[in-house]
Amino acid sequence: ASLTSMFMFGPNDRDNIDDFRPMVCDSSGLAILTGTGE
């Protein structure tokens, strides 16, 4: 069930970024629902 996406930069990761946009990504995070419900 592989997923493939793009994350270039965002408010948590802008090292050496010189870009007029505040954020560039297809996905901002990974969400997980574990077997225990966490």
ModelCIF file with pLDDT and N, C-alpha, C, O atoms, coordinates in Angstrom:
data_MODEL
#
_entry.id   MODEL 
#
_entity.id                         1 
_entity.type                       polymer 
_entity.pdbx_number_of_molecules   1 
#
_entity_poly.entity_id                      1 
_entity_poly.type                           'polypeptide(L)' 
_entity_poly.nstd_linkage                   no 
_entity_poly.nstd_monomer                   no 
_entity_poly.pdbx_seq_one_letter_code       ASLTSMFMFGPNDRDNIDDFRPMVCDSSGLAILTGTGE 
_entity_poly.pdbx_seq_one_letter_code_can   ASLTSMFMFGPNDRDNIDDFRPMVCDSSGLAILTGTGE 
_entity_poly.pdbx_strand_id                 A 
#
loop_
_entity_poly_seq.entity_id 
_entity_poly_seq.num 
_entity_poly_seq.mon_id 
_entity_poly_seq.hetero 
1 1  ALA n 
1 2  SER n 
1 3  LEU n 
1 4  THR n 
1 5  SER n 
1 6  MET n 
1 7  PHE n 
1 8  MET n 
1 9  PHE n 
1 10 GLY n 
1 11 PRO n 
1 12 ASN n 
1 13 ASP n 
1 14 ARG n 
1 15 ASP n 
1 16 ASN n 
1 17 ILE n 
1 18 ASP n 
1 19 ASP n 
1 20 PHE n 
1 21 ARG n 
1 22 PRO n 
1 23 MET n 
1 24 VAL n 
1 25 CYS n 
1 26 ASP n 
1 27 SER n 
1 28 SER n 
1 29 GLY n 
1 30 LEU n 
1 31 ALA n 
1 32 ILE n 
1 33 LEU n 
1 34 THR n 
1 35 GLY n 
1 36 THR n 
1 37 GLY n 
1 38 GLU n 
#
_struct_asym.id          A 
_struct_asym.entity_id   1 
#
loop_
_ma_qa_metric.id 
_ma_qa_metric.mode 
_ma_qa_metric.name 
_ma_qa_metric.software_group_id 
_ma_qa_metric.type 
1 global pLDDT . pLDDT 
2 local  pLDDT . pLDDT 
#
_ma_qa_metric_global.metric_id      1 
_ma_qa_metric_global.metric_value   96.50 
_ma_qa_metric_global.model_id       1 
_ma_qa_metric_global.ordinal_id     1 
#
loop_
_ma_qa_metric_local.label_asym_id 
_ma_qa_metric_local.label_comp_id 
_ma_qa_metric_local.label_seq_id 
_ma_qa_metric_local.metric_id 
_ma_qa_metric_local.metric_value 
_ma_qa_metric_local.model_id 
_ma_qa_metric_local.ordinal_id 
A ALA 1  2 98.00 1 1  
A SER 2  2 98.00 1 2  
A LEU 3  2 98.00 1 3  
A THR 4  2 98.00 1 4  
A SER 5  2 98.00 1 5  
A MET 6  2 98.00 1 6  
A PHE 7  2 98.00 1 7  
A MET 8  2 97.00 1 8  
A PHE 9  2 97.00 1 9  
A GLY 10 2 97.00 1 10 
A PRO 11 2 97.00 1 11 
A ASN 12 2 96.00 1 12 
A ASP 13 2 95.00 1 13 
A ARG 14 2 93.00 1 14 
A ASP 15 2 87.00 1 15 
A ASN 16 2 88.00 1 16 
A ILE 17 2 93.00 1 17 
A ASP 18 2 95.00 1 18 
A ASP 19 2 97.00 1 19 
A PHE 20 2 97.00 1 20 
A ARG 21 2 98.00 1 21 
A PRO 22 2 97.00 1 22 
A MET 23 2 98.00 1 23 
A VAL 24 2 98.00 1 24 
A CYS 25 2 98.00 1 25 
A ASP 26 2 98.00 1 26 
A SER 27 2 98.00 1 27 
A SER 28 2 98.00 1 28 
A GLY 29 2 98.00 1 29 
A LEU 30 2 98.00 1 30 
A ALA 31 2 98.00 1 31 
A ILE 32 2 98.00 1 32 
A LEU 33 2 98.00 1 33 
A THR 34 2 97.00 1 34 
A GLY 35 2 96.00 1 35 
A THR 36 2 95.00 1 36 
A GLY 37 2 95.00 1 37 
A GLU 38 2 96.00 1 38 
#
loop_
_atom_site.group_PDB 
_atom_site.id 
_atom_site.type_symbol 
_atom_site.label_atom_id 
_atom_site.label_alt_id 
_atom_site.label_comp_id 
_atom_site.label_asym_id 
_atom_site.label_entity_id 
_atom_site.label_seq_id 
_atom_site.pdbx_PDB_ins_code 
_atom_site.Cartn_x 
_atom_site.Cartn_y 
_atom_site.Cartn_z 
_atom_site.occupancy 
_atom_site.B_iso_or_equiv 
_atom_site.pdbx_formal_charge 
_atom_site.auth_seq_id 
_atom_site.auth_comp_id 
_atom_site.auth_asym_id 
_atom_site.auth_atom_id 
_atom_site.pdbx_PDB_model_num 
ATOM 1   N N  . ALA A 1 1  ? 0.841  -1.209 0.000  1.00 98.00 ? 1  ALA A N  1 
ATOM 2   C CA . ALA A 1 1  ? 0.000  0.000  0.000  1.00 98.00 ? 1  ALA A CA 1 
ATOM 3   C C  . ALA A 1 1  ? 0.868  1.248  0.000  1.00 98.00 ? 1  ALA A C  1 
ATOM 4   O O  . ALA A 1 1  ? 0.633  2.175  0.775  1.00 98.00 ? 1  ALA A O  1 
ATOM 5   N N  . SER A 1 2  ? 1.861  1.269  -0.860 1.00 98.00 ? 2  SER A N  1 
ATOM 6   C CA . SER A 1 2  ? 2.842  2.365  -0.889 1.00 98.00 ? 2  SER A CA 1 
ATOM 7   C C  . SER A 1 2  ? 2.221  3.657  -1.401 1.00 98.00 ? 2  SER A C  1 
ATOM 8   O O  . SER A 1 2  ? 1.434  3.655  -2.348 1.00 98.00 ? 2  SER A O  1 
ATOM 9   N N  . LEU A 1 3  ? 2.589  4.755  -0.758 1.00 98.00 ? 3  LEU A N  1 
ATOM 10  C CA . LEU A 1 3  ? 2.215  6.100  -1.178 1.00 98.00 ? 3  LEU A CA 1 
ATOM 11  C C  . LEU A 1 3  ? 3.483  6.895  -1.457 1.00 98.00 ? 3  LEU A C  1 
ATOM 12  O O  . LEU A 1 3  ? 4.471  6.770  -0.734 1.00 98.00 ? 3  LEU A O  1 
ATOM 13  N N  . THR A 1 4  ? 3.454  7.709  -2.502 1.00 98.00 ? 4  THR A N  1 
ATOM 14  C CA . THR A 1 4  ? 4.614  8.506  -2.896 1.00 98.00 ? 4  THR A CA 1 
ATOM 15  C C  . THR A 1 4  ? 4.179  9.950  -3.071 1.00 98.00 ? 4  THR A C  1 
ATOM 16  O O  . THR A 1 4  ? 3.189  10.225 -3.749 1.00 98.00 ? 4  THR A O  1 
ATOM 17  N N  . SER A 1 5  ? 4.923  10.886 -2.457 1.00 98.00 ? 5  SER A N  1 
ATOM 18  C CA . SER A 1 5  ? 4.506  12.276 -2.462 1.00 98.00 ? 5  SER A CA 1 
ATOM 19  C C  . SER A 1 5  ? 5.723  13.189 -2.519 1.00 98.00 ? 5  SER A C  1 
ATOM 20  O O  . SER A 1 5  ? 6.852  12.729 -2.688 1.00 98.00 ? 5  SER A O  1 
ATOM 21  N N  . MET A 1 6  ? 5.477  14.495 -2.376 1.00 98.00 ? 6  MET A N  1 
ATOM 22  C CA . MET A 1 6  ? 6.546  15.488 -2.448 1.00 98.00 ? 6  MET A CA 1 
ATOM 23  C C  . MET A 1 6  ? 6.423  16.472 -1.291 1.00 98.00 ? 6  MET A C  1 
ATOM 24  O O  . MET A 1 6  ? 5.346  17.002 -1.020 1.00 98.00 ? 6  MET A O  1 
ATOM 25  N N  . PHE A 1 7  ? 7.542  16.705 -0.615 1.00 98.00 ? 7  PHE A N  1 
ATOM 26  C CA . PHE A 1 7  ? 7.647  17.785 0.366  1.00 98.00 ? 7  PHE A CA 1 
ATOM 27  C C  . PHE A 1 7  ? 8.968  18.484 0.113  1.00 98.00 ? 7  PHE A C  1 
ATOM 28  O O  . PHE A 1 7  ? 10.035 17.889 0.259  1.00 98.00 ? 7  PHE A O  1 
ATOM 29  N N  . MET A 1 8  ? 8.889  19.774 -0.276 1.00 97.00 ? 8  MET A N  1 
ATOM 30  C CA . MET A 1 8  ? 10.117 20.531 -0.518 1.00 97.00 ? 8  MET A CA 1 
ATOM 31  C C  . MET A 1 8  ? 10.454 21.428 0.669  1.00 97.00 ? 8  MET A C  1 
ATOM 32  O O  . MET A 1 8  ? 11.573 21.386 1.180  1.00 97.00 ? 8  MET A O  1 
ATOM 33  N N  . PHE A 1 9  ? 9.496  22.238 1.108  1.00 97.00 ? 9  PHE A N  1 
ATOM 34  C CA . PHE A 1 9  ? 9.727  23.041 2.304  1.00 97.00 ? 9  PHE A CA 1 
ATOM 35  C C  . PHE A 1 9  ? 8.399  23.514 2.882  1.00 97.00 ? 9  PHE A C  1 
ATOM 36  O O  . PHE A 1 9  ? 7.365  23.516 2.213  1.00 97.00 ? 9  PHE A O  1 
ATOM 37  N N  . GLY A 1 10 ? 8.467  23.917 4.156  1.00 97.00 ? 10 GLY A N  1 
ATOM 38  C CA . GLY A 1 10 ? 7.305  24.443 4.859  1.00 97.00 ? 10 GLY A CA 1 
ATOM 39  C C  . GLY A 1 10 ? 7.768  25.203 6.081  1.00 97.00 ? 10 GLY A C  1 
ATOM 40  O O  . GLY A 1 10 ? 8.972  25.385 6.265  1.00 97.00 ? 10 GLY A O  1 
ATOM 41  N N  . PRO A 1 11 ? 6.843  25.657 6.929  1.00 97.00 ? 11 PRO A N  1 
ATOM 42  C CA . PRO A 1 11 ? 7.212  26.459 8.094  1.00 97.00 ? 11 PRO A CA 1 
ATOM 43  C C  . PRO A 1 11 ? 8.131  25.741 9.081  1.00 97.00 ? 11 PRO A C  1 
ATOM 44  O O  . PRO A 1 11 ? 8.802  26.391 9.883  1.00 97.00 ? 11 PRO A O  1 
ATOM 45  N N  . ASN A 1 12 ? 8.168  24.417 9.029  1.00 96.00 ? 12 ASN A N  1 
ATOM 46  C CA . ASN A 1 12 ? 9.050  23.655 9.921  1.00 96.00 ? 12 ASN A CA 1 
ATOM 47  C C  . ASN A 1 12 ? 10.405 23.356 9.292  1.00 96.00 ? 12 ASN A C  1 
ATOM 48  O O  . ASN A 1 12 ? 11.290 22.830 9.965  1.00 96.00 ? 12 ASN A O  1 
ATOM 49  N N  . ASP A 1 13 ? 10.583 23.682 8.014  1.00 95.00 ? 13 ASP A N  1 
ATOM 50  C CA . ASP A 1 13 ? 11.797 23.267 7.306  1.00 95.00 ? 13 ASP A CA 1 
ATOM 51  C C  . ASP A 1 13 ? 12.041 24.214 6.136  1.00 95.00 ? 13 ASP A C  1 
ATOM 52  O O  . ASP A 1 13 ? 11.629 23.946 5.007  1.00 95.00 ? 13 ASP A O  1 
ATOM 53  N N  . ARG A 1 14 ? 12.722 25.335 6.425  1.00 93.00 ? 14 ARG A N  1 
ATOM 54  C CA . ARG A 1 14 ? 13.018 26.319 5.380  1.00 93.00 ? 14 ARG A CA 1 
ATOM 55  C C  . ARG A 1 14 ? 14.517 26.614 5.292  1.00 93.00 ? 14 ARG A C  1 
ATOM 56  O O  . ARG A 1 14 ? 14.907 27.703 4.871  1.00 93.00 ? 14 ARG A O  1 
ATOM 57  N N  . ASP A 1 15 ? 15.341 25.674 5.675  1.00 87.00 ? 15 ASP A N  1 
ATOM 58  C CA . ASP A 1 15 ? 16.784 25.898 5.607  1.00 87.00 ? 15 ASP A CA 1 
ATOM 59  C C  . ASP A 1 15 ? 17.217 26.161 4.164  1.00 87.00 ? 15 ASP A C  1 
ATOM 60  O O  . ASP A 1 15 ? 16.898 25.388 3.261  1.00 87.00 ? 15 ASP A O  1 
ATOM 61  N N  . ASN A 1 16 ? 17.940 27.249 3.960  1.00 88.00 ? 16 ASN A N  1 
ATOM 62  C CA . ASN A 1 16 ? 18.493 27.611 2.656  1.00 88.00 ? 16 ASN A CA 1 
ATOM 63  C C  . ASN A 1 16 ? 17.427 27.777 1.577  1.00 88.00 ? 16 ASN A C  1 
ATOM 64  O O  . ASN A 1 16 ? 17.700 27.549 0.398  1.00 88.00 ? 16 ASN A O  1 
ATOM 65  N N  . ILE A 1 17 ? 16.229 28.166 1.965  1.00 93.00 ? 17 ILE A N  1 
ATOM 66  C CA . ILE A 1 17 ? 15.140 28.372 1.008  1.00 93.00 ? 17 ILE A CA 1 
ATOM 67  C C  . ILE A 1 17 ? 15.010 29.853 0.688  1.00 93.00 ? 17 ILE A C  1 
ATOM 68  O O  . ILE A 1 17 ? 14.868 30.680 1.589  1.00 93.00 ? 17 ILE A O  1 
ATOM 69  N N  . ASP A 1 18 ? 15.057 30.182 -0.588 1.00 95.00 ? 18 ASP A N  1 
ATOM 70  C CA . ASP A 1 18 ? 14.820 31.541 -1.069 1.00 95.00 ? 18 ASP A CA 1 
ATOM 71  C C  . ASP A 1 18 ? 13.679 31.457 -2.078 1.00 95.00 ? 18 ASP A C  1 
ATOM 72  O O  . ASP A 1 18 ? 13.917 31.269 -3.271 1.00 95.00 ? 18 ASP A O  1 
ATOM 73  N N  . ASP A 1 19 ? 12.453 31.595 -1.611 1.00 97.00 ? 19 ASP A N  1 
ATOM 74  C CA . ASP A 1 19 ? 11.268 31.357 -2.431 1.00 97.00 ? 19 ASP A CA 1 
ATOM 75  C C  . ASP A 1 19 ? 10.155 32.256 -1.927 1.00 97.00 ? 19 ASP A C  1 
ATOM 76  O O  . ASP A 1 19 ? 10.016 32.466 -0.722 1.00 97.00 ? 19 ASP A O  1 
ATOM 77  N N  . PHE A 1 20 ? 9.350  32.795 -2.861 1.00 97.00 ? 20 PHE A N  1 
ATOM 78  C CA . PHE A 1 20 ? 8.278  33.706 -2.453 1.00 97.00 ? 20 PHE A CA 1 
ATOM 79  C C  . PHE A 1 20 ? 7.128  32.965 -1.772 1.00 97.00 ? 20 PHE A C  1 
ATOM 80  O O  . PHE A 1 20 ? 6.297  33.583 -1.106 1.00 97.00 ? 20 PHE A O  1 
ATOM 81  N N  . ARG A 1 21 ? 7.079  31.654 -1.935 1.00 98.00 ? 21 ARG A N  1 
ATOM 82  C CA . ARG A 1 21 ? 5.973  30.869 -1.375 1.00 98.00 ? 21 ARG A CA 1 
ATOM 83  C C  . ARG A 1 21 ? 6.292  30.409 0.048  1.00 98.00 ? 21 ARG A C  1 
ATOM 84  O O  . ARG A 1 21 ? 7.433  30.051 0.339  1.00 98.00 ? 21 ARG A O  1 
ATOM 85  N N  . PRO A 1 22 ? 5.297  30.415 0.937  1.00 97.00 ? 22 PRO A N  1 
ATOM 86  C CA . PRO A 1 22 ? 5.551  29.960 2.313  1.00 97.00 ? 22 PRO A CA 1 
ATOM 87  C C  . PRO A 1 22 ? 5.661  28.445 2.459  1.00 97.00 ? 22 PRO A C  1 
ATOM 88  O O  . PRO A 1 22 ? 6.198  27.960 3.455  1.00 97.00 ? 22 PRO A O  1 
ATOM 89  N N  . MET A 1 23 ? 5.162  27.690 1.480  1.00 98.00 ? 23 MET A N  1 
ATOM 90  C CA . MET A 1 23 ? 5.110  26.241 1.629  1.00 98.00 ? 23 MET A CA 1 
ATOM 91  C C  . MET A 1 23 ? 4.991  25.606 0.245  1.00 98.00 ? 23 MET A C  1 
ATOM 92  O O  . MET A 1 23 ? 4.243  26.101 -0.598 1.00 98.00 ? 23 MET A O  1 
ATOM 93  N N  . VAL A 1 24 ? 5.719  24.517 0.003  1.00 98.00 ? 24 VAL A N  1 
ATOM 94  C CA . VAL A 1 24 ? 5.629  23.783 -1.260 1.00 98.00 ? 24 VAL A CA 1 
ATOM 95  C C  . VAL A 1 24 ? 5.599  22.292 -0.929 1.00 98.00 ? 24 VAL A C  1 
ATOM 96  O O  . VAL A 1 24 ? 6.619  21.724 -0.538 1.00 98.00 ? 24 VAL A O  1 
ATOM 97  N N  . CYS A 1 25 ? 4.446  21.661 -1.080 1.00 98.00 ? 25 CYS A N  1 
ATOM 98  C CA . CYS A 1 25 ? 4.340  20.231 -0.789 1.00 98.00 ? 25 CYS A CA 1 
ATOM 99  C C  . CYS A 1 25 ? 3.014  19.692 -1.292 1.00 98.00 ? 25 CYS A C  1 
ATOM 100 O O  . CYS A 1 25 ? 2.025  20.420 -1.379 1.00 98.00 ? 25 CYS A O  1 
ATOM 101 N N  . ASP A 1 26 ? 3.004  18.404 -1.622 1.00 98.00 ? 26 ASP A N  1 
ATOM 102 C CA . ASP A 1 26 ? 1.767  17.680 -1.908 1.00 98.00 ? 26 ASP A CA 1 
ATOM 103 C C  . ASP A 1 26 ? 1.126  17.172 -0.627 1.00 98.00 ? 26 ASP A C  1 
ATOM 104 O O  . ASP A 1 26 ? -0.094 17.032 -0.543 1.00 98.00 ? 26 ASP A O  1 
ATOM 105 N N  . SER A 1 27 ? 1.958  16.898 0.366  1.00 98.00 ? 27 SER A N  1 
ATOM 106 C CA . SER A 1 27 ? 1.492  16.380 1.657  1.00 98.00 ? 27 SER A CA 1 
ATOM 107 C C  . SER A 1 27 ? 2.291  17.060 2.756  1.00 98.00 ? 27 SER A C  1 
ATOM 108 O O  . SER A 1 27 ? 3.493  17.277 2.611  1.00 98.00 ? 27 SER A O  1 
ATOM 109 N N  . SER A 1 28 ? 1.624  17.397 3.856  1.00 98.00 ? 28 SER A N  1 
ATOM 110 C CA . SER A 1 28 ? 2.326  18.066 4.951  1.00 98.00 ? 28 SER A CA 1 
ATOM 111 C C  . SER A 1 28 ? 2.733  17.118 6.061  1.00 98.00 ? 28 SER A C  1 
ATOM 112 O O  . SER A 1 28 ? 3.584  17.464 6.880  1.00 98.00 ? 28 SER A O  1 
ATOM 113 N N  . GLY A 1 29 ? 2.137  15.911 6.112  1.00 98.00 ? 29 GLY A N  1 
ATOM 114 C CA . GLY A 1 29 ? 2.496  15.009 7.192  1.00 98.00 ? 29 GLY A CA 1 
ATOM 115 C C  . GLY A 1 29 ? 1.990  13.605 6.978  1.00 98.00 ? 29 GLY A C  1 
ATOM 116 O O  . GLY A 1 29 ? 1.158  13.341 6.109  1.00 98.00 ? 29 GLY A O  1 
ATOM 117 N N  . LEU A 1 30 ? 2.512  12.711 7.791  1.00 98.00 ? 30 LEU A N  1 
ATOM 118 C CA . LEU A 1 30 ? 2.087  11.312 7.829  1.00 98.00 ? 30 LEU A CA 1 
ATOM 119 C C  . LEU A 1 30 ? 1.206  11.102 9.052  1.00 98.00 ? 30 LEU A C  1 
ATOM 120 O O  . LEU A 1 30 ? 1.623  11.382 10.176 1.00 98.00 ? 30 LEU A O  1 
ATOM 121 N N  . ALA A 1 31 ? -0.012 10.610 8.837  1.00 98.00 ? 31 ALA A N  1 
ATOM 122 C CA . ALA A 1 31 ? -0.917 10.271 9.939  1.00 98.00 ? 31 ALA A CA 1 
ATOM 123 C C  . ALA A 1 31 ? -1.007 8.752  10.053 1.00 98.00 ? 31 ALA A C  1 
ATOM 124 O O  . ALA A 1 31 ? -1.039 8.047  9.044  1.00 98.00 ? 31 ALA A O  1 
ATOM 125 N N  . ILE A 1 32 ? -1.045 8.259  11.276 1.00 98.00 ? 32 ILE A N  1 
ATOM 126 C CA . ILE A 1 32 ? -1.102 6.821  11.532 1.00 98.00 ? 32 ILE A CA 1 
ATOM 127 C C  . ILE A 1 32 ? -2.140 6.544  12.611 1.00 98.00 ? 32 ILE A C  1 
ATOM 128 O O  . ILE A 1 32 ? -2.199 7.254  13.615 1.00 98.00 ? 32 ILE A O  1 
ATOM 129 N N  . LEU A 1 33 ? -2.954 5.517  12.410 1.00 98.00 ? 33 LEU A N  1 
ATOM 130 C CA . LEU A 1 33 ? -3.857 4.997  13.426 1.00 98.00 ? 33 LEU A CA 1 
ATOM 131 C C  . LEU A 1 33 ? -3.390 3.586  13.753 1.00 98.00 ? 33 LEU A C  1 
ATOM 132 O O  . LEU A 1 33 ? -3.569 2.667  12.954 1.00 98.00 ? 33 LEU A O  1 
ATOM 133 N N  . THR A 1 34 ? -2.790 3.415  14.930 1.00 97.00 ? 34 THR A N  1 
ATOM 134 C CA . THR A 1 34 ? -2.183 2.131  15.292 1.00 97.00 ? 34 THR A CA 1 
ATOM 135 C C  . THR A 1 34 ? -3.249 1.116  15.693 1.00 97.00 ? 34 THR A C  1 
ATOM 136 O O  . THR A 1 34 ? -4.427 1.446  15.834 1.00 97.00 ? 34 THR A O  1 
ATOM 137 N N  . GLY A 1 35 ? -2.805 -0.124 15.873 1.00 96.00 ? 35 GLY A N  1 
ATOM 138 C CA . GLY A 1 35 ? -3.725 -1.176 16.285 1.00 96.00 ? 35 GLY A CA 1 
ATOM 139 C C  . GLY A 1 35 ? -4.310 -0.969 17.662 1.00 96.00 ? 35 GLY A C  1 
ATOM 140 O O  . GLY A 1 35 ? -5.375 -1.508 17.963 1.00 96.00 ? 35 GLY A O  1 
ATOM 141 N N  . THR A 1 36 ? -3.641 -0.199 18.510 1.00 95.00 ? 36 THR A N  1 
ATOM 142 C CA . THR A 1 36 ? -4.153 0.097  19.852 1.00 95.00 ? 36 THR A CA 1 
ATOM 143 C C  . THR A 1 36 ? -5.052 1.321  19.882 1.00 95.00 ? 36 THR A C  1 
ATOM 144 O O  . THR A 1 36 ? -5.579 1.679  20.935 1.00 95.00 ? 36 THR A O  1 
ATOM 145 N N  . GLY A 1 37 ? -5.233 1.967  18.729 1.00 95.00 ? 37 GLY A N  1 
ATOM 146 C CA . GLY A 1 37 ? -6.085 3.146  18.666 1.00 95.00 ? 37 GLY A CA 1 
ATOM 147 C C  . GLY A 1 37 ? -5.351 4.458  18.846 1.00 95.00 ? 37 GLY A C  1 
ATOM 148 O O  . GLY A 1 37 ? -5.985 5.513  18.842 1.00 95.00 ? 37 GLY A O  1 
ATOM 149 N N  . GLU A 1 38 ? -4.032 4.429  19.003 1.00 96.00 ? 38 GLU A N  1 
ATOM 150 C CA . GLU A 1 38 ? -3.276 5.675  19.131 1.00 96.00 ? 38 GLU A CA 1 
ATOM 151 C C  . GLU A 1 38 ? -3.165 6.346  17.770 1.00 96.00 ? 38 GLU A C  1 
ATOM 152 O O  . GLU A 1 38 ? -2.564 7.414  17.655 1.00 96.00 ? 38 GLU A O  1 
#
